Amino acid sequence: MFGGKHHTVTAIRRKDRSIDYFYLPRKSNSVLQKLKKVPFLRGIIALIEASANGSQHLNFSSERYDVDPEKDEEISEEKVSRTTMILGVATLGVLSFIFGKFVFTLVPAILASFMKSIFPSDVAQVLIEGLIKLLLLLIYIYFVSLTPMIKRVFQYHGAEHKVINAYENHLELTVENVQSQSRLHYRCGSSFILFTVIVGVFVYMLVPTDPLWLRLVDRIALLPIVLGISFEVLQLTNKLRDIPVLRYLGYPGLWLQLLTTKEPADDQVEVAIASFNELLKFEEEKVPMKADMPNLEM
């Protein structure tokens, strides 16, 4: 999936080895457009939009995965009967979101509080909490990446990055040229996830760690602030990536991408190239892409 200024496009490999596309225009909303220009708030808006758009692209690909193109009409006929299933998936998604926030936001705070006798100061507590959160994140991503399905998703993630890098380096988008590029990219959503951990450490330094109930409430209440600042940091590291010394600010996010991306096969790169070329056809201005995928969304 690739996003441009006016459209987002997803390409999928069908069962008969053909490539199919899903197009989604970016809807213009005057209120959202104004909010997107507000620093720290625009990150939240970007996340909401990415989630909304990504769900539609994922729905398209999941409906047609391993389905013969000749049976596409049956997919349309089944849409009404799938309402119950969609509601179930939506409910599961909400529950998963809540569970994820509990694990990666509240559990580290609780575990760190158990070490209060060893690390009593607020600064030490926040640092221990951040370390636990980072370890949980790395362990989770590592073990999830071992499953065949997620490994394949991460390969397509790597293919997206390679295509973007080839395009930004003004290379012809051939399989050979794309495969020669790095699978890491400064604007990746994986970098954003890591920045939320790092930024969270600094933000949580501003509030007390006692009592525990107040600490947990603060973590939830401050989450939008952490997300907003992390988005700005992500944008900043991308702008500084060509400056010799300051480019290293984005390296932690790139290191995390070693887990969230995998080297793609040639046929996966072909799909990524097809998707990107299709997007260029729909764009009025052929400029370097600013929307990085949906790695947030995957």
C-alpha atoms as a PDB file:
ATOM      1  CA  MET A   1       0.000   0.000   0.000  1.00  0.00           C
ATOM      2  CA  PHE A   2       1.232   3.477  -0.890  1.00  0.00           C
ATOM      3  CA  GLY A   3      -0.257   6.867  -0.151  1.00  0.00           C
ATOM      4  CA  GLY A   4       0.153  10.019  -2.193  1.00  0.00           C
ATOM      5  CA  LYS A   5      -1.216  13.522  -2.016  1.00  0.00           C
ATOM      6  CA  HIS A   6      -4.641  12.653  -3.397  1.00  0.00           C
ATOM      7  CA  HIS A   7      -4.953   8.854  -3.332  1.00  0.00           C
ATOM      8  CA  THR A   8      -3.903   5.650  -1.618  1.00  0.00           C
ATOM      9  CA  VAL A   9      -3.422   2.475  -3.639  1.00  0.00           C
ATOM     10  CA  THR A  10      -3.032  -1.165  -2.658  1.00  0.00           C
ATOM     11  CA  ALA A  11      -1.877  -3.916  -4.992  1.00  0.00           C
ATOM     12  CA  ILE A  12      -2.363  -7.604  -4.215  1.00  0.00           C
ATOM     13  CA  ARG A  13      -1.221 -10.797  -5.910  1.00  0.00           C
ATOM     14  CA  ARG A  14      -4.246 -12.895  -6.837  1.00  0.00           C
ATOM     15  CA  LYS A  15      -4.514 -16.657  -6.848  1.00  0.00           C
ATOM     16  CA  ASP A  16      -3.963 -16.757 -10.627  1.00  0.00           C
ATOM     17  CA  ARG A  17      -0.750 -14.675 -10.111  1.00  0.00           C
ATOM     18  CA  SER A  18      -2.339 -11.539 -11.603  1.00  0.00           C
ATOM     19  CA  ILE A  19      -2.169  -8.208  -9.753  1.00  0.00           C
ATOM     20  CA  ASP A  20      -5.326  -6.464  -8.588  1.00  0.00           C
ATOM     21  CA  TYR A  21      -5.694  -2.915  -7.244  1.00  0.00           C
ATOM     22  CA  PHE A  22      -7.757  -1.014  -4.709  1.00  0.00           C
ATOM     23  CA  TYR A  23      -7.999   2.769  -4.984  1.00  0.00           C
ATOM     24  CA  LEU A  24      -9.068   5.124  -2.238  1.00  0.00           C
ATOM     25  CA  PRO A  25      -9.170   8.908  -2.768  1.00  0.00           C
ATOM     26  CA  ARG A  26      -8.132  11.089   0.137  1.00  0.00           C
ATOM     27  CA  LYS A  27     -11.312  12.854   1.235  1.00  0.00           C
ATOM     28  CA  SER A  28     -10.880  16.560   1.815  1.00  0.00           C
ATOM     29  CA  ASN A  29     -12.319  17.812   5.094  1.00  0.00           C
ATOM     30  CA  SER A  30     -11.807  21.481   5.879  1.00  0.00           C
ATOM     31  CA  VAL A  31     -11.701  20.893   9.638  1.00  0.00           C
ATOM     32  CA  LEU A  32      -9.209  18.028   9.382  1.00  0.00           C
ATOM     33  CA  GLN A  33      -7.065  19.978   6.946  1.00  0.00           C
ATOM     34  CA  LYS A  34      -6.782  22.793   9.467  1.00  0.00           C
ATOM     35  CA  LEU A  35      -6.024  20.394  12.315  1.00  0.00           C
ATOM     36  CA  LYS A  36      -3.285  18.770  10.216  1.00  0.00           C
ATOM     37  CA  LYS A  37      -1.430  22.071  10.272  1.00  0.00           C
ATOM     38  CA  VAL A  38      -1.388  22.251  14.081  1.00  0.00           C
ATOM     39  CA  PRO A  39       1.903  20.884  15.474  1.00  0.00           C
ATOM     40  CA  PHE A  40       1.557  18.010  17.983  1.00  0.00           C
ATOM     41  CA  LEU A  41      -2.139  17.638  17.132  1.00  0.00           C
ATOM     42  CA  ARG A  42      -1.531  16.655  13.504  1.00  0.00           C
ATOM     43  CA  GLY A  43       0.108  13.405  14.617  1.00  0.00           C
ATOM     44  CA  ILE A  44      -3.122  12.242  16.258  1.00  0.00           C
ATOM     45  CA  ILE A  45      -5.102  13.154  13.133  1.00  0.00           C
ATOM     46  CA  ALA A  46      -2.595  11.272  10.964  1.00  0.00           C
ATOM     47  CA  LEU A  47      -2.970   8.167  13.130  1.00  0.00           C
ATOM     48  CA  ILE A  48      -6.759   8.275  12.939  1.00  0.00           C
ATOM     49  CA  GLU A  49      -6.724   8.711   9.173  1.00  0.00           C
ATOM     50  CA  ALA A  50      -4.141   5.959   8.731  1.00  0.00           C
ATOM     51  CA  SER A  51      -6.263   3.565  10.786  1.00  0.00           C
ATOM     52  CA  ALA A  52      -9.461   4.434   8.901  1.00  0.00           C
ATOM     53  CA  ASN A  53      -7.892   4.150   5.452  1.00  0.00           C
ATOM     54  CA  GLY A  54      -5.797   1.125   6.334  1.00  0.00           C
ATOM     55  CA  SER A  55      -8.830  -0.857   7.487  1.00  0.00           C
ATOM     56  CA  GLN A  56     -10.444  -0.423   4.067  1.00  0.00           C
ATOM     57  CA  HIS A  57      -7.306  -1.540   2.249  1.00  0.00           C
ATOM     58  CA  LEU A  58      -6.899  -4.533   4.561  1.00  0.00           C
ATOM     59  CA  ASN A  59     -10.540  -5.464   4.046  1.00  0.00           C
ATOM     60  CA  PHE A  60     -10.020  -5.437   0.270  1.00  0.00           C
ATOM     61  CA  SER A  61      -6.950  -7.664   0.444  1.00  0.00           C
ATOM     62  CA  SER A  62      -8.422 -10.079   3.004  1.00  0.00           C
ATOM     63  CA  GLU A  63     -11.607 -10.544   0.941  1.00  0.00           C
ATOM     64  CA  ARG A  64      -9.634 -11.474  -2.170  1.00  0.00           C
ATOM     65  CA  TYR A  65      -6.743 -13.364  -0.628  1.00  0.00           C
ATOM     66  CA  ASP A  66      -6.585 -16.883  -2.050  1.00  0.00           C
ATOM     67  CA  VAL A  67      -9.807 -16.280  -4.039  1.00  0.00           C
ATOM     68  CA  ASP A  68      -9.974 -16.975  -7.763  1.00  0.00           C
ATOM     69  CA  PRO A  69     -10.674 -13.702  -9.669  1.00  0.00           C
ATOM     70  CA  GLU A  70     -13.546 -15.448 -11.466  1.00  0.00           C
ATOM     71  CA  LYS A  71     -15.374 -15.651  -8.126  1.00  0.00           C
ATOM     72  CA  ASP A  72     -15.147 -11.924  -7.306  1.00  0.00           C
ATOM     73  CA  GLU A  73     -18.887 -11.542  -7.897  1.00  0.00           C
ATOM     74  CA  GLU A  74     -19.519 -13.904  -4.994  1.00  0.00           C
ATOM     75  CA  ILE A  75     -17.560 -11.550  -2.733  1.00  0.00           C
ATOM     76  CA  SER A  76     -19.967  -8.709  -3.525  1.00  0.00           C
ATOM     77  CA  GLU A  77     -22.983 -10.952  -2.928  1.00  0.00           C
ATOM     78  CA  GLU A  78     -21.618 -12.018   0.467  1.00  0.00           C
ATOM     79  CA  LYS A  79     -21.016  -8.494   1.761  1.00  0.00           C
ATOM     80  CA  VAL A  80     -24.454  -8.162   3.363  1.00  0.00           C
ATOM     81  CA  SER A  81     -24.156 -11.519   5.100  1.00  0.00           C
ATOM     82  CA  ARG A  82     -20.724 -10.512   6.378  1.00  0.00           C
ATOM     83  CA  THR A  83     -22.100  -7.688   8.516  1.00  0.00           C
ATOM     84  CA  THR A  84     -22.091  -9.858  11.622  1.00  0.00           C
ATOM     85  CA  MET A  85     -18.548 -10.973  10.943  1.00  0.00           C
ATOM     86  CA  ILE A  86     -17.369  -7.387  10.399  1.00  0.00           C
ATOM     87  CA  LEU A  87     -18.955  -6.295  13.676  1.00  0.00           C
ATOM     88  CA  GLY A  88     -17.211  -9.182  15.381  1.00  0.00           C
ATOM     89  CA  VAL A  89     -13.872  -8.222  13.880  1.00  0.00           C
ATOM     90  CA  ALA A  90     -14.425  -4.580  14.874  1.00  0.00           C
ATOM     91  CA  THR A  91     -15.193  -5.609  18.447  1.00  0.00           C
ATOM     92  CA  LEU A  92     -12.128  -7.817  18.507  1.00  0.00           C
ATOM     93  CA  GLY A  93     -10.073  -4.923  17.184  1.00  0.00           C
ATOM     94  CA  VAL A  94     -11.266  -2.622  19.964  1.00  0.00           C
ATOM     95  CA  LEU A  95     -10.558  -5.257  22.609  1.00  0.00           C
ATOM     96  CA  SER A  96      -7.110  -5.889  21.103  1.00  0.00           C
ATOM     97  CA  PHE A  97      -6.392  -2.163  21.158  1.00  0.00           C
ATOM     98  CA  ILE A  98      -7.383  -1.892  24.817  1.00  0.00           C
ATOM     99  CA  PHE A  99      -5.352  -4.972  25.701  1.00  0.00           C
ATOM    100  CA  GLY A 100      -2.339  -3.648  23.791  1.00  0.00           C
ATOM    101  CA  LYS A 101      -2.480  -0.324  25.588  1.00  0.00           C
ATOM    102  CA  PHE A 102      -2.760  -2.133  28.913  1.00  0.00           C
ATOM    103  CA  VAL A 103       0.240  -4.329  28.224  1.00  0.00           C
ATOM    104  CA  PHE A 104       2.559  -1.689  26.773  1.00  0.00           C
ATOM    105  CA  THR A 105       1.460   1.294  28.883  1.00  0.00           C
ATOM    106  CA  LEU A 106       0.229   0.075  32.250  1.00  0.00           C
ATOM    107  CA  VAL A 107       2.109  -3.191  32.812  1.00  0.00           C
ATOM    108  CA  PRO A 108       5.584  -1.540  32.604  1.00  0.00           C
ATOM    109  CA  ALA A 109       4.465   1.039  35.168  1.00  0.00           C
ATOM    110  CA  ILE A 110       3.186  -1.677  37.510  1.00  0.00           C
ATOM    111  CA  LEU A 111       6.328  -3.795  37.172  1.00  0.00           C
ATOM    112  CA  ALA A 112       8.570  -0.777  37.755  1.00  0.00           C
ATOM    113  CA  SER A 113       6.634   0.054  40.934  1.00  0.00           C
ATOM    114  CA  PHE A 114       7.589  -3.350  42.341  1.00  0.00           C
ATOM    115  CA  MET A 115      11.217  -2.181  42.225  1.00  0.00           C
ATOM    116  CA  LYS A 116      10.489   0.949  44.253  1.00  0.00           C
ATOM    117  CA  SER A 117      12.581  -0.282  47.171  1.00  0.00           C
ATOM    118  CA  ILE A 118      15.617  -0.702  44.900  1.00  0.00           C
ATOM    119  CA  PHE A 119      15.040   2.343  42.679  1.00  0.00           C
ATOM    120  CA  PRO A 120      13.073   4.799  44.859  1.00  0.00           C
ATOM    121  CA  SER A 121      13.509   8.056  42.915  1.00  0.00           C
ATOM    122  CA  ASP A 122      10.978   9.183  40.314  1.00  0.00           C
ATOM    123  CA  VAL A 123      13.688   9.485  37.660  1.00  0.00           C
ATOM    124  CA  ALA A 124      14.900   5.922  38.251  1.00  0.00           C
ATOM    125  CA  GLN A 125      11.317   4.645  38.219  1.00  0.00           C
ATOM    126  CA  VAL A 126      10.551   6.261  34.865  1.00  0.00           C
ATOM    127  CA  LEU A 127      13.792   4.937  33.360  1.00  0.00           C
ATOM    128  CA  ILE A 128      13.076   1.404  34.589  1.00  0.00           C
ATOM    129  CA  GLU A 129       9.529   1.676  33.255  1.00  0.00           C
ATOM    130  CA  GLY A 130      10.802   2.772  29.848  1.00  0.00           C
ATOM    131  CA  LEU A 131      13.317  -0.084  29.755  1.00  0.00           C
ATOM    132  CA  ILE A 132      10.638  -2.647  30.588  1.00  0.00           C
ATOM    133  CA  LYS A 133       8.355  -1.189  27.922  1.00  0.00           C
ATOM    134  CA  LEU A 134      11.134  -1.373  25.332  1.00  0.00           C
ATOM    135  CA  LEU A 135      11.957  -4.991  26.222  1.00  0.00           C
ATOM    136  CA  LEU A 136       8.281  -5.997  26.015  1.00  0.00           C
ATOM    137  CA  LEU A 137       7.999  -4.314  22.614  1.00  0.00           C
ATOM    138  CA  LEU A 138      11.106  -5.992  21.187  1.00  0.00           C
ATOM    139  CA  ILE A 139      10.170  -9.419  22.538  1.00  0.00           C
ATOM    140  CA  TYR A 140       6.637  -9.126  21.190  1.00  0.00           C
ATOM    141  CA  ILE A 141       7.729  -8.050  17.701  1.00  0.00           C
ATOM    142  CA  TYR A 142      10.425 -10.725  17.545  1.00  0.00           C
ATOM    143  CA  PHE A 143       8.136 -13.631  18.378  1.00  0.00           C
ATOM    144  CA  VAL A 144       5.301 -12.332  16.186  1.00  0.00           C
ATOM    145  CA  SER A 145       7.731 -12.022  13.272  1.00  0.00           C
ATOM    146  CA  LEU A 146       8.463 -15.755  13.504  1.00  0.00           C
ATOM    147  CA  THR A 147       4.952 -16.676  12.351  1.00  0.00           C
ATOM    148  CA  PRO A 148       4.739 -17.352   8.584  1.00  0.00           C
ATOM    149  CA  MET A 149       1.882 -14.891   7.990  1.00  0.00           C
ATOM    150  CA  ILE A 150       3.498 -11.948   9.797  1.00  0.00           C
ATOM    151  CA  LYS A 151       6.861 -12.736   8.242  1.00  0.00           C
ATOM    152  CA  ARG A 152       5.239 -12.374   4.819  1.00  0.00           C
ATOM    153  CA  VAL A 153       3.637  -9.082   5.878  1.00  0.00           C
ATOM    154  CA  PHE A 154       7.038  -7.836   7.026  1.00  0.00           C
ATOM    155  CA  GLN A 155       8.521  -8.852   3.662  1.00  0.00           C
ATOM    156  CA  TYR A 156       5.960  -6.684   1.869  1.00  0.00           C
ATOM    157  CA  HIS A 157       6.758  -3.949   4.381  1.00  0.00           C
ATOM    158  CA  GLY A 158      10.399  -4.204   3.344  1.00  0.00           C
ATOM    159  CA  ALA A 159       9.377  -4.126  -0.330  1.00  0.00           C
ATOM    160  CA  GLU A 160       7.464  -0.878   0.238  1.00  0.00           C
ATOM    161  CA  HIS A 161      10.509   0.746   1.804  1.00  0.00           C
ATOM    162  CA  LYS A 162      12.784  -0.434  -0.990  1.00  0.00           C
ATOM    163  CA  VAL A 163      10.474   1.035  -3.641  1.00  0.00           C
ATOM    164  CA  ILE A 164      10.276   4.376  -1.813  1.00  0.00           C
ATOM    165  CA  ASN A 165      14.074   4.477  -1.452  1.00  0.00           C
ATOM    166  CA  ALA A 166      14.582   3.664  -5.133  1.00  0.00           C
ATOM    167  CA  TYR A 167      12.112   6.366  -6.153  1.00  0.00           C
ATOM    168  CA  GLU A 168      13.676   8.989  -3.878  1.00  0.00           C
ATOM    169  CA  ASN A 169      17.116   8.046  -5.239  1.00  0.00           C
ATOM    170  CA  HIS A 170      15.798   8.653  -8.799  1.00  0.00           C
ATOM    171  CA  LEU A 171      16.297   5.053  -9.904  1.00  0.00           C
ATOM    172  CA  GLU A 172      14.196   3.288 -12.497  1.00  0.00           C
ATOM    173  CA  LEU A 173      11.706   1.090 -10.681  1.00  0.00           C
ATOM    174  CA  THR A 174      12.915  -2.323 -11.793  1.00  0.00           C
ATOM    175  CA  VAL A 175      13.104  -5.373  -9.549  1.00  0.00           C
ATOM    176  CA  GLU A 176      16.898  -5.300  -9.699  1.00  0.00           C
ATOM    177  CA  ASN A 177      17.176  -1.608  -8.783  1.00  0.00           C
ATOM    178  CA  VAL A 178      14.602  -1.868  -6.004  1.00  0.00           C
ATOM    179  CA  GLN A 179      16.219  -4.946  -4.479  1.00  0.00           C
ATOM    180  CA  SER A 180      19.524  -3.065  -4.291  1.00  0.00           C
ATOM    181  CA  GLN A 181      17.968  -0.524  -1.908  1.00  0.00           C
ATOM    182  CA  SER A 182      17.738  -0.608   1.871  1.00  0.00           C
ATOM    183  CA  ARG A 183      14.607  -2.035   3.449  1.00  0.00           C
ATOM    184  CA  LEU A 184      14.814   0.672   6.144  1.00  0.00           C
ATOM    185  CA  HIS A 185      13.245   4.125   5.905  1.00  0.00           C
ATOM    186  CA  TYR A 186      13.158   7.161   8.202  1.00  0.00           C
ATOM    187  CA  ARG A 187       9.399   7.757   7.893  1.00  0.00           C
ATOM    188  CA  CYS A 188       8.345   4.255   8.846  1.00  0.00           C
ATOM    189  CA  GLY A 189       5.611   3.690  11.408  1.00  0.00           C
ATOM    190  CA  SER A 190       7.927   1.297  13.224  1.00  0.00           C
ATOM    191  CA  SER A 191      10.182   4.243  14.031  1.00  0.00           C
ATOM    192  CA  PHE A 192       7.137   6.070  15.348  1.00  0.00           C
ATOM    193  CA  ILE A 193       6.387   3.218  17.768  1.00  0.00           C
ATOM    194  CA  LEU A 194       9.904   3.328  19.175  1.00  0.00           C
ATOM    195  CA  PHE A 195       9.828   7.111  19.505  1.00  0.00           C
ATOM    196  CA  THR A 196       6.690   6.822  21.653  1.00  0.00           C
ATOM    197  CA  VAL A 197       8.733   4.789  24.135  1.00  0.00           C
ATOM    198  CA  ILE A 198      11.622   7.274  24.157  1.00  0.00           C
ATOM    199  CA  VAL A 199       9.416  10.376  24.261  1.00  0.00           C
ATOM    200  CA  GLY A 200       7.296   8.775  26.972  1.00  0.00           C
ATOM    201  CA  VAL A 201      10.317   8.609  29.269  1.00  0.00           C
ATOM    202  CA  PHE A 202      10.813  12.386  29.060  1.00  0.00           C
ATOM    203  CA  VAL A 203       7.106  13.222  29.359  1.00  0.00           C
ATOM    204  CA  TYR A 204       6.582  10.949  32.362  1.00  0.00           C
ATOM    205  CA  MET A 205       9.456  12.674  34.129  1.00  0.00           C
ATOM    206  CA  LEU A 206       7.086  15.634  34.595  1.00  0.00           C
ATOM    207  CA  VAL A 207       4.555  13.750  36.748  1.00  0.00           C
ATOM    208  CA  PRO A 208       4.950  11.851  40.033  1.00  0.00           C
ATOM    209  CA  THR A 209       5.197   8.067  40.216  1.00  0.00           C
ATOM    210  CA  ASP A 210       3.337   7.802  43.535  1.00  0.00           C
ATOM    211  CA  PRO A 211       0.740   6.694  44.337  1.00  0.00           C
ATOM    212  CA  LEU A 212       0.460   3.861  41.813  1.00  0.00           C
ATOM    213  CA  TRP A 213      -3.162   4.623  40.830  1.00  0.00           C
ATOM    214  CA  LEU A 214      -2.230   8.215  39.941  1.00  0.00           C
ATOM    215  CA  ARG A 215       0.761   6.973  37.980  1.00  0.00           C
ATOM    216  CA  LEU A 216      -1.481   4.697  35.891  1.00  0.00           C
ATOM    217  CA  VAL A 217      -4.035   7.462  35.310  1.00  0.00           C
ATOM    218  CA  ASP A 218      -1.253   9.814  34.206  1.00  0.00           C
ATOM    219  CA  ARG A 219       0.045   7.253  31.714  1.00  0.00           C
ATOM    220  CA  ILE A 220      -3.338   7.003  30.005  1.00  0.00           C
ATOM    221  CA  ALA A 221      -4.064  10.740  30.172  1.00  0.00           C
ATOM    222  CA  LEU A 222      -0.672  11.663  28.730  1.00  0.00           C
ATOM    223  CA  LEU A 223      -0.842   9.156  25.876  1.00  0.00           C
ATOM    224  CA  PRO A 224      -2.179  11.675  23.296  1.00  0.00           C
ATOM    225  CA  ILE A 225       0.635  14.077  24.237  1.00  0.00           C
ATOM    226  CA  VAL A 226       3.248  11.344  23.849  1.00  0.00           C
ATOM    227  CA  LEU A 227       1.814  10.366  20.453  1.00  0.00           C
ATOM    228  CA  GLY A 228       1.713  13.973  19.271  1.00  0.00           C
ATOM    229  CA  ILE A 229       5.316  14.701  20.264  1.00  0.00           C
ATOM    230  CA  SER A 230       6.529  11.377  18.825  1.00  0.00           C
ATOM    231  CA  PHE A 231       5.027  12.246  15.442  1.00  0.00           C
ATOM    232  CA  GLU A 232       6.897  15.560  15.429  1.00  0.00           C
ATOM    233  CA  VAL A 233      10.130  13.768  16.331  1.00  0.00           C
ATOM    234  CA  LEU A 234       9.568  11.339  13.468  1.00  0.00           C
ATOM    235  CA  GLN A 235       9.083  14.228  11.033  1.00  0.00           C
ATOM    236  CA  LEU A 236      12.165  15.991  12.397  1.00  0.00           C
ATOM    237  CA  THR A 237      14.456  12.981  12.025  1.00  0.00           C
ATOM    238  CA  ASN A 238      13.339  12.647   8.417  1.00  0.00           C
ATOM    239  CA  LYS A 239      14.216  16.280   7.705  1.00  0.00           C
ATOM    240  CA  LEU A 240      17.627  15.871   9.344  1.00  0.00           C
ATOM    241  CA  ARG A 241      18.568  12.573   7.725  1.00  0.00           C
ATOM    242  CA  ASP A 242      20.920  14.208   5.194  1.00  0.00           C
ATOM    243  CA  ILE A 243      22.850  16.155   7.855  1.00  0.00           C
ATOM    244  CA  PRO A 244      25.962  14.106   8.790  1.00  0.00           C
ATOM    245  CA  VAL A 245      25.746  14.340  12.594  1.00  0.00           C
ATOM    246  CA  LEU A 246      22.019  14.851  13.154  1.00  0.00           C
ATOM    247  CA  ARG A 247      21.064  11.924  10.930  1.00  0.00           C
ATOM    248  CA  TYR A 248      21.926   9.594  13.815  1.00  0.00           C
ATOM    249  CA  LEU A 249      18.851  10.828  15.694  1.00  0.00           C
ATOM    250  CA  GLY A 250      16.747   8.581  13.478  1.00  0.00           C
ATOM    251  CA  TYR A 251      18.911   5.481  13.903  1.00  0.00           C
ATOM    252  CA  PRO A 252      16.986   3.963  16.858  1.00  0.00           C
ATOM    253  CA  GLY A 253      13.883   3.816  14.680  1.00  0.00           C
ATOM    254  CA  LEU A 254      15.868   2.286  11.820  1.00  0.00           C
ATOM    255  CA  TRP A 255      17.254  -0.375  14.152  1.00  0.00           C
ATOM    256  CA  LEU A 256      13.724  -1.397  15.138  1.00  0.00           C
ATOM    257  CA  GLN A 257      12.901  -1.817  11.450  1.00  0.00           C
ATOM    258  CA  LEU A 258      15.415  -4.652  11.361  1.00  0.00           C
ATOM    259  CA  LEU A 259      12.655  -6.564  13.176  1.00  0.00           C
ATOM    260  CA  THR A 260       9.565  -5.112  11.473  1.00  0.00           C
ATOM    261  CA  THR A 261      10.826  -5.557   7.907  1.00  0.00           C
ATOM    262  CA  LYS A 262      12.230  -8.578   6.111  1.00  0.00           C
ATOM    263  CA  GLU A 263      14.029  -8.932   2.798  1.00  0.00           C
ATOM    264  CA  PRO A 264      11.307  -9.418   0.155  1.00  0.00           C
ATOM    265  CA  ALA A 265      11.254 -11.928  -2.681  1.00  0.00           C
ATOM    266  CA  ASP A 266      11.321 -10.673  -6.275  1.00  0.00           C
ATOM    267  CA  ASP A 267       7.622 -11.379  -6.820  1.00  0.00           C
ATOM    268  CA  GLN A 268       6.770  -9.307  -3.726  1.00  0.00           C
ATOM    269  CA  VAL A 269       8.860  -6.430  -5.053  1.00  0.00           C
ATOM    270  CA  GLU A 270       6.949  -6.691  -8.345  1.00  0.00           C
ATOM    271  CA  VAL A 271       3.680  -6.146  -6.466  1.00  0.00           C
ATOM    272  CA  ALA A 272       5.119  -3.154  -4.580  1.00  0.00           C
ATOM    273  CA  ILE A 273       6.387  -1.594  -7.828  1.00  0.00           C
ATOM    274  CA  ALA A 274       3.013  -2.145  -9.485  1.00  0.00           C
ATOM    275  CA  SER A 275       1.222  -0.480  -6.583  1.00  0.00           C
ATOM    276  CA  PHE A 276       3.548   2.520  -6.594  1.00  0.00           C
ATOM    277  CA  ASN A 277       3.358   2.984 -10.369  1.00  0.00           C
ATOM    278  CA  GLU A 278      -0.409   2.789 -10.201  1.00  0.00           C
ATOM    279  CA  LEU A 279      -0.399   5.497  -7.536  1.00  0.00           C
ATOM    280  CA  LEU A 280       1.738   7.776  -9.713  1.00  0.00           C
ATOM    281  CA  LYS A 281      -0.867   7.526 -12.456  1.00  0.00           C
ATOM    282  CA  PHE A 282      -3.487   8.958 -10.115  1.00  0.00           C
ATOM    283  CA  GLU A 283      -1.355  11.719  -8.657  1.00  0.00           C
ATOM    284  CA  GLU A 284      -1.513  15.162 -10.193  1.00  0.00           C
ATOM    285  CA  GLU A 285       1.866  16.101  -8.746  1.00  0.00           C
ATOM    286  CA  LYS A 286       4.595  13.501  -8.842  1.00  0.00           C
ATOM    287  CA  VAL A 287       6.428  14.379  -5.646  1.00  0.00           C
ATOM    288  CA  PRO A 288       8.267  12.180  -3.121  1.00  0.00           C
ATOM    289  CA  MET A 289       5.705  10.296  -1.074  1.00  0.00           C
ATOM    290  CA  LYS A 290       5.045  11.546   2.433  1.00  0.00           C
ATOM    291  CA  ALA A 291       2.720   8.796   3.590  1.00  0.00           C
ATOM    292  CA  ASP A 292       4.725   5.808   4.710  1.00  0.00           C
ATOM    293  CA  MET A 293       2.638   2.969   4.651  1.00  0.00           C
ATOM    294  CA  PRO A 294       0.940   1.640   6.729  1.00  0.00           C
ATOM    295  CA  ASN A 295       3.145  -0.084   8.703  1.00  0.00           C
ATOM    296  CA  LEU A 296       1.135   1.825  11.235  1.00  0.00           C
ATOM    297  CA  GLU A 297      -1.663   0.248   9.540  1.00  0.00           C
ATOM    298  CA  MET A 298      -0.424  -3.251   9.120  1.00  0.00           C
END
